[in-house]
Amino acid sequence: MKTAYQHPGERANSTALHLRTRQHYDLLVCLSDLGYRYQDDKVSDVTLAAASRHIDLIPGGGARRCIACSNLRV
């Protein structure tokens, strides 16, 4: 049995959309260990935040940084 690769940004957005619209969560936090930022096109916390449509906050584990996404409602 092979493990199928799923793009972290696409998967996070689809899961967050489900939680926001079907489960009616008000605040969505994505606990990430992707890494804060890279020189190349690797997915990172920064690229995930930029592509996020339904995630409010991304605290990164390795970099010990936290990103508030633009859709965060205070």
PDB file of N, CA and C in Angstrom:
ATOM      1  N   MET A   1       0.841  -1.177   0.000  1.00  0.00           N
ATOM      2  CA  MET A   1       0.000   0.000   0.000  1.00  0.00           C
ATOM      3  C   MET A   1       0.886   1.240   0.000  1.00  0.00           C
ATOM      4  N   LYS A   2       0.665   2.132  -0.955  1.00  0.00           N
ATOM      5  CA  LYS A   2       1.451   3.350  -1.059  1.00  0.00           C
ATOM      6  C   LYS A   2       0.760   4.503  -0.339  1.00  0.00           C
ATOM      7  N   THR A   3       1.574   5.397   0.154  1.00  0.00           N
ATOM      8  CA  THR A   3       1.060   6.611   0.761  1.00  0.00           C
ATOM      9  C   THR A   3       0.922   7.663  -0.331  1.00  0.00           C
ATOM     10  N   ALA A   4      -0.237   8.251  -0.452  1.00  0.00           N
ATOM     11  CA  ALA A   4      -0.481   9.272  -1.475  1.00  0.00           C
ATOM     12  C   ALA A   4      -0.107  10.642  -0.928  1.00  0.00           C
ATOM     13  N   TYR A   5       0.636  11.398  -1.724  1.00  0.00           N
ATOM     14  CA  TYR A   5       1.002  12.762  -1.339  1.00  0.00           C
ATOM     15  C   TYR A   5      -0.199  13.676  -1.514  1.00  0.00           C
ATOM     16  N   GLN A   6      -0.461  14.492  -0.514  1.00  0.00           N
ATOM     17  CA  GLN A   6      -1.505  15.512  -0.600  1.00  0.00           C
ATOM     18  C   GLN A   6      -0.852  16.851  -0.312  1.00  0.00           C
ATOM     19  N   HIS A   7      -1.091  17.824  -1.182  1.00  0.00           N
ATOM     20  CA  HIS A   7      -0.496  19.142  -1.006  1.00  0.00           C
ATOM     21  C   HIS A   7      -0.995  19.743   0.310  1.00  0.00           C
ATOM     22  N   PRO A   8      -0.080  20.164   1.184  1.00  0.00           N
ATOM     23  CA  PRO A   8      -0.497  20.671   2.498  1.00  0.00           C
ATOM     24  C   PRO A   8      -1.470  21.848   2.433  1.00  0.00           C
ATOM     25  N   GLY A   9      -1.244  22.781   1.514  1.00  0.00           N
ATOM     26  CA  GLY A   9      -2.127  23.941   1.412  1.00  0.00           C
ATOM     27  C   GLY A   9      -3.521  23.571   0.962  1.00  0.00           C
ATOM     28  N   GLU A  10      -3.607  22.720  -0.058  1.00  0.00           N
ATOM     29  CA  GLU A  10      -4.919  22.289  -0.556  1.00  0.00           C
ATOM     30  C   GLU A  10      -5.668  21.486   0.490  1.00  0.00           C
ATOM     31  N   ARG A  11      -4.961  20.582   1.150  1.00  0.00           N
ATOM     32  CA  ARG A  11      -5.596  19.737   2.165  1.00  0.00           C
ATOM     33  C   ARG A  11      -6.040  20.570   3.372  1.00  0.00           C
ATOM     34  N   ALA A  12      -5.196  21.502   3.796  1.00  0.00           N
ATOM     35  CA  ALA A  12      -5.547  22.354   4.938  1.00  0.00           C
ATOM     36  C   ALA A  12      -6.759  23.214   4.618  1.00  0.00           C
ATOM     37  N   ASN A  13      -6.804  23.770   3.405  1.00  0.00           N
ATOM     38  CA  ASN A  13      -7.948  24.600   3.020  1.00  0.00           C
ATOM     39  C   ASN A  13      -9.237  23.810   2.939  1.00  0.00           C
ATOM     40  N   SER A  14      -9.187  22.607   2.379  1.00  0.00           N
ATOM     41  CA  SER A  14     -10.422  21.814   2.279  1.00  0.00           C
ATOM     42  C   SER A  14     -10.906  21.370   3.657  1.00  0.00           C
ATOM     43  N   THR A  15      -9.986  21.014   4.535  1.00  0.00           N
ATOM     44  CA  THR A  15     -10.368  20.630   5.893  1.00  0.00           C
ATOM     45  C   THR A  15     -10.928  21.833   6.651  1.00  0.00           C
ATOM     46  N   ALA A  16     -10.280  22.986   6.505  1.00  0.00           N
ATOM     47  CA  ALA A  16     -10.748  24.194   7.188  1.00  0.00           C
ATOM     48  C   ALA A  16     -12.125  24.629   6.672  1.00  0.00           C
ATOM     49  N   LEU A  17     -12.343  24.508   5.371  1.00  0.00           N
ATOM     50  CA  LEU A  17     -13.654  24.842   4.805  1.00  0.00           C
ATOM     51  C   LEU A  17     -14.736  23.949   5.405  1.00  0.00           C
ATOM     52  N   HIS A  18     -14.459  22.659   5.516  1.00  0.00           N
ATOM     53  CA  HIS A  18     -15.414  21.726   6.122  1.00  0.00           C
ATOM     54  C   HIS A  18     -15.699  22.120   7.574  1.00  0.00           C
ATOM     55  N   LEU A  19     -14.649  22.408   8.328  1.00  0.00           N
ATOM     56  CA  LEU A  19     -14.839  22.767   9.741  1.00  0.00           C
ATOM     57  C   LEU A  19     -15.605  24.078   9.896  1.00  0.00           C
ATOM     58  N   ARG A  20     -15.331  25.023   9.010  1.00  0.00           N
ATOM     59  CA  ARG A  20     -15.982  26.331   9.108  1.00  0.00           C
ATOM     60  C   ARG A  20     -17.453  26.269   8.687  1.00  0.00           C
ATOM     61  N   THR A  21     -17.742  25.588   7.567  1.00  0.00           N
ATOM     62  CA  THR A  21     -19.106  25.626   7.025  1.00  0.00           C
ATOM     63  C   THR A  21     -20.012  24.522   7.549  1.00  0.00           C
ATOM     64  N   ARG A  22     -19.460  23.357   7.768  1.00  0.00           N
ATOM     65  CA  ARG A  22     -20.320  22.238   8.198  1.00  0.00           C
ATOM     66  C   ARG A  22     -20.321  22.014   9.699  1.00  0.00           C
ATOM     67  N   GLN A  23     -19.195  22.308  10.328  1.00  0.00           N
ATOM     68  CA  GLN A  23     -19.112  22.119  11.778  1.00  0.00           C
ATOM     69  C   GLN A  23     -19.280  23.445  12.534  1.00  0.00           C
ATOM     70  N   HIS A  24     -19.286  24.551  11.813  1.00  0.00           N
ATOM     71  CA  HIS A  24     -19.550  25.892  12.353  1.00  0.00           C
ATOM     72  C   HIS A  24     -18.537  26.357  13.396  1.00  0.00           C
ATOM     73  N   TYR A  25     -17.266  26.042  13.161  1.00  0.00           N
ATOM     74  CA  TYR A  25     -16.211  26.545  14.038  1.00  0.00           C
ATOM     75  C   TYR A  25     -15.965  28.014  13.722  1.00  0.00           C
ATOM     76  N   ASP A  26     -15.715  28.817  14.750  1.00  0.00           N
ATOM     77  CA  ASP A  26     -15.467  30.246  14.580  1.00  0.00           C
ATOM     78  C   ASP A  26     -13.993  30.563  14.409  1.00  0.00           C
ATOM     79  N   LEU A  27     -13.128  29.811  15.046  1.00  0.00           N
ATOM     80  CA  LEU A  27     -11.695  30.063  15.001  1.00  0.00           C
ATOM     81  C   LEU A  27     -10.986  28.778  14.601  1.00  0.00           C
ATOM     82  N   LEU A  28     -10.186  28.858  13.543  1.00  0.00           N
ATOM     83  CA  LEU A  28      -9.461  27.678  13.068  1.00  0.00           C
ATOM     84  C   LEU A  28      -7.962  27.910  13.170  1.00  0.00           C
ATOM     85  N   VAL A  29      -7.293  27.024  13.902  1.00  0.00           N
ATOM     86  CA  VAL A  29      -5.859  27.101  14.122  1.00  0.00           C
ATOM     87  C   VAL A  29      -5.214  25.885  13.467  1.00  0.00           C
ATOM     88  N   CYS A  30      -4.219  26.126  12.646  1.00  0.00           N
ATOM     89  CA  CYS A  30      -3.498  25.047  11.976  1.00  0.00           C
ATOM     90  C   CYS A  30      -2.137  24.902  12.648  1.00  0.00           C
ATOM     91  N   LEU A  31      -1.938  23.836  13.414  1.00  0.00           N
ATOM     92  CA  LEU A  31      -0.648  23.583  14.050  1.00  0.00           C
ATOM     93  C   LEU A  31       0.287  23.028  12.982  1.00  0.00           C
ATOM     94  N   SER A  32       1.331  23.764  12.688  1.00  0.00           N
ATOM     95  CA  SER A  32       2.190  23.430  11.556  1.00  0.00           C
ATOM     96  C   SER A  32       3.612  23.123  11.995  1.00  0.00           C
ATOM     97  N   ASP A  33       4.223  22.202  11.283  1.00  0.00           N
ATOM     98  CA  ASP A  33       5.648  21.930  11.448  1.00  0.00           C
ATOM     99  C   ASP A  33       6.310  21.938  10.072  1.00  0.00           C
ATOM    100  N   LEU A  34       5.747  22.755   9.156  1.00  0.00           N
ATOM    101  CA  LEU A  34       6.280  22.841   7.794  1.00  0.00           C
ATOM    102  C   LEU A  34       7.603  23.602   7.743  1.00  0.00           C
ATOM    103  N   GLY A  35       7.795  24.522   8.656  1.00  0.00           N
ATOM    104  CA  GLY A  35       8.938  25.427   8.612  1.00  0.00           C
ATOM    105  C   GLY A  35       8.437  26.815   8.246  1.00  0.00           C
ATOM    106  N   TYR A  36       9.087  27.844   8.753  1.00  0.00           N
ATOM    107  CA  TYR A  36       8.573  29.203   8.587  1.00  0.00           C
ATOM    108  C   TYR A  36       8.649  29.688   7.143  1.00  0.00           C
ATOM    109  N   ARG A  37       9.823  29.617   6.517  1.00  0.00           N
ATOM    110  CA  ARG A  37      10.002  30.106   5.143  1.00  0.00           C
ATOM    111  C   ARG A  37      11.237  29.448   4.541  1.00  0.00           C
ATOM    112  N   TYR A  38      11.198  29.225   3.235  1.00  0.00           N
ATOM    113  CA  TYR A  38      12.319  28.626   2.514  1.00  0.00           C
ATOM    114  C   TYR A  38      12.712  29.497   1.330  1.00  0.00           C
ATOM    115  N   GLN A  39      13.925  29.323   0.860  1.00  0.00           N
ATOM    116  CA  GLN A  39      14.427  30.064  -0.305  1.00  0.00           C
ATOM    117  C   GLN A  39      13.781  29.570  -1.593  1.00  0.00           C
ATOM    118  N   ASP A  40      13.456  28.286  -1.662  1.00  0.00           N
ATOM    119  CA  ASP A  40      12.876  27.714  -2.883  1.00  0.00           C
ATOM    120  C   ASP A  40      11.348  27.676  -2.779  1.00  0.00           C
ATOM    121  N   ASP A  41      10.706  26.882  -3.590  1.00  0.00           N
ATOM    122  CA  ASP A  41       9.235  26.860  -3.634  1.00  0.00           C
ATOM    123  C   ASP A  41       8.612  25.798  -2.722  1.00  0.00           C
ATOM    124  N   LYS A  42       9.368  25.331  -1.715  1.00  0.00           N
ATOM    125  CA  LYS A  42       8.798  24.395  -0.745  1.00  0.00           C
ATOM    126  C   LYS A  42       7.653  25.055   0.021  1.00  0.00           C
ATOM    127  N   VAL A  43       6.658  24.269   0.339  1.00  0.00           N
ATOM    128  CA  VAL A  43       5.537  24.787   1.127  1.00  0.00           C
ATOM    129  C   VAL A  43       6.021  25.084   2.546  1.00  0.00           C
ATOM    130  N   SER A  44       5.678  26.251   3.025  1.00  0.00           N
ATOM    131  CA  SER A  44       6.096  26.681   4.361  1.00  0.00           C
ATOM    132  C   SER A  44       4.898  27.307   5.078  1.00  0.00           C
ATOM    133  N   ASP A  45       5.108  27.699   6.312  1.00  0.00           N
ATOM    134  CA  ASP A  45       4.041  28.378   7.057  1.00  0.00           C
ATOM    135  C   ASP A  45       3.622  29.666   6.343  1.00  0.00           C
ATOM    136  N   VAL A  46       4.586  30.386   5.793  1.00  0.00           N
ATOM    137  CA  VAL A  46       4.291  31.646   5.106  1.00  0.00           C
ATOM    138  C   VAL A  46       3.468  31.397   3.843  1.00  0.00           C
ATOM    139  N   THR A  47       3.844  30.409   3.039  1.00  0.00           N
ATOM    140  CA  THR A  47       3.075  30.135   1.815  1.00  0.00           C
ATOM    141  C   THR A  47       1.704  29.562   2.152  1.00  0.00           C
ATOM    142  N   LEU A  48       1.618  28.778   3.216  1.00  0.00           N
ATOM    143  CA  LEU A  48       0.323  28.257   3.649  1.00  0.00           C
ATOM    144  C   LEU A  48      -0.592  29.402   4.084  1.00  0.00           C
ATOM    145  N   ALA A  49      -0.056  30.354   4.831  1.00  0.00           N
ATOM    146  CA  ALA A  49      -0.861  31.505   5.267  1.00  0.00           C
ATOM    147  C   ALA A  49      -1.323  32.333   4.076  1.00  0.00           C
ATOM    148  N   ALA A  50      -0.455  32.518   3.099  1.00  0.00           N
ATOM    149  CA  ALA A  50      -0.819  33.311   1.915  1.00  0.00           C
ATOM    150  C   ALA A  50      -1.917  32.625   1.103  1.00  0.00           C
ATOM    151  N   ALA A  51      -1.906  31.302   1.067  1.00  0.00           N
ATOM    152  CA  ALA A  51      -2.892  30.550   0.282  1.00  0.00           C
ATOM    153  C   ALA A  51      -4.147  30.226   1.082  1.00  0.00           C
ATOM    154  N   SER A  52      -4.123  30.501   2.376  1.00  0.00           N
ATOM    155  CA  SER A  52      -5.228  30.129   3.253  1.00  0.00           C
ATOM    156  C   SER A  52      -6.460  30.993   3.016  1.00  0.00           C
ATOM    157  N   ARG A  53      -7.591  30.341   2.971  1.00  0.00           N
ATOM    158  CA  ARG A  53      -8.857  31.057   2.850  1.00  0.00           C
ATOM    159  C   ARG A  53      -9.720  30.890   4.096  1.00  0.00           C
ATOM    160  N   HIS A  54      -9.460  29.883   4.884  1.00  0.00           N
ATOM    161  CA  HIS A  54     -10.339  29.594   6.022  1.00  0.00           C
ATOM    162  C   HIS A  54      -9.585  29.384   7.332  1.00  0.00           C
ATOM    163  N   ILE A  55      -8.267  29.449   7.304  1.00  0.00           N
ATOM    164  CA  ILE A  55      -7.457  29.259   8.506  1.00  0.00           C
ATOM    165  C   ILE A  55      -7.177  30.630   9.115  1.00  0.00           C
ATOM    166  N   ASP A  56      -7.335  30.745  10.434  1.00  0.00           N
ATOM    167  CA  ASP A  56      -7.155  32.027  11.109  1.00  0.00           C
ATOM    168  C   ASP A  56      -5.753  32.227  11.660  1.00  0.00           C
ATOM    169  N   LEU A  57      -5.148  31.163  12.177  1.00  0.00           N
ATOM    170  CA  LEU A  57      -3.881  31.290  12.881  1.00  0.00           C
ATOM    171  C   LEU A  57      -3.024  30.065  12.594  1.00  0.00           C
ATOM    172  N   ILE A  58      -1.714  30.293  12.356  1.00  0.00           N
ATOM    173  CA  ILE A  58      -0.799  29.179  12.099  1.00  0.00           C
ATOM    174  C   ILE A  58       0.405  29.319  13.030  1.00  0.00           C
ATOM    175  N   PRO A  59       0.374  28.666  14.194  1.00  0.00           N
ATOM    176  CA  PRO A  59       1.573  28.640  15.030  1.00  0.00           C
ATOM    177  C   PRO A  59       2.508  27.548  14.505  1.00  0.00           C
ATOM    178  N   GLY A  60       3.738  27.936  14.194  1.00  0.00           N
ATOM    179  CA  GLY A  60       4.707  26.971  13.675  1.00  0.00           C
ATOM    180  C   GLY A  60       5.517  26.368  14.805  1.00  0.00           C
ATOM    181  N   GLY A  61       5.764  25.083  14.719  1.00  0.00           N
ATOM    182  CA  GLY A  61       6.485  24.385  15.772  1.00  0.00           C
ATOM    183  C   GLY A  61       7.976  24.625  15.758  1.00  0.00           C
ATOM    184  N   GLY A  62       8.610  24.341  14.621  1.00  0.00           N
ATOM    185  CA  GLY A  62      10.053  24.414  14.544  1.00  0.00           C
ATOM    186  C   GLY A  62      10.601  25.823  14.666  1.00  0.00           C
ATOM    187  N   ALA A  63       9.969  26.776  14.016  1.00  0.00           N
ATOM    188  CA  ALA A  63      10.465  28.153  13.999  1.00  0.00           C
ATOM    189  C   ALA A  63       9.999  28.954  15.213  1.00  0.00           C
ATOM    190  N   ARG A  64       9.049  28.412  15.946  1.00  0.00           N
ATOM    191  CA  ARG A  64       8.485  29.095  17.118  1.00  0.00           C
ATOM    192  C   ARG A  64       7.955  30.486  16.755  1.00  0.00           C
ATOM    193  N   ARG A  65       7.254  30.545  15.635  1.00  0.00           N
ATOM    194  CA  ARG A  65       6.623  31.786  15.189  1.00  0.00           C
ATOM    195  C   ARG A  65       5.149  31.518  14.963  1.00  0.00           C
ATOM    196  N   CYS A  66       4.380  32.571  15.013  1.00  0.00           N
ATOM    197  CA  CYS A  66       2.951  32.442  14.821  1.00  0.00           C
ATOM    198  C   CYS A  66       2.503  33.443  13.751  1.00  0.00           C
ATOM    199  N   ILE A  67       1.689  32.966  12.810  1.00  0.00           N
ATOM    200  CA  ILE A  67       1.208  33.821  11.733  1.00  0.00           C
ATOM    201  C   ILE A  67      -0.298  33.966  11.864  1.00  0.00           C
ATOM    202  N   ALA A  68      -0.749  35.217  11.907  1.00  0.00           N
ATOM    203  CA  ALA A  68      -2.183  35.491  11.874  1.00  0.00           C
ATOM    204  C   ALA A  68      -2.564  35.703  10.413  1.00  0.00           C
ATOM    205  N   CYS A  69      -3.467  34.894   9.900  1.00  0.00           N
ATOM    206  CA  CYS A  69      -3.868  34.993   8.511  1.00  0.00           C
ATOM    207  C   CYS A  69      -4.785  36.198   8.319  1.00  0.00           C
ATOM    208  N   SER A  70      -4.896  36.667   7.093  1.00  0.00           N
ATOM    209  CA  SER A  70      -5.616  37.906   6.819  1.00  0.00           C
ATOM    210  C   SER A  70      -7.111  37.824   7.121  1.00  0.00           C
ATOM    211  N   ASN A  71      -7.653  36.621   7.206  1.00  0.00           N
ATOM    212  CA  ASN A  71      -9.082  36.498   7.477  1.00  0.00           C
ATOM    213  C   ASN A  71      -9.399  36.368   8.962  1.00  0.00           C
ATOM    214  N   LEU A  72      -8.416  36.607   9.829  1.00  0.00           N
ATOM    215  CA  LEU A  72      -8.647  36.510  11.271  1.00  0.00           C
ATOM    216  C   LEU A  72      -9.591  37.610  11.715  1.00  0.00           C
ATOM    217  N   ARG A  73     -10.692  37.197  12.348  1.00  0.00           N
ATOM    218  CA  ARG A  73     -11.672  38.147  12.869  1.00  0.00           C
ATOM    219  C   ARG A  73     -11.479  38.275  14.369  1.00  0.00           C
ATOM    220  N   VAL A  74     -11.166  39.473  14.814  1.00  0.00           N
ATOM    221  CA  VAL A  74     -10.910  39.687  16.249  1.00  0.00           C
ATOM    222  C   VAL A  74     -12.155  40.202  16.921  1.00  0.00           C
TER     223      VAL A  74
END
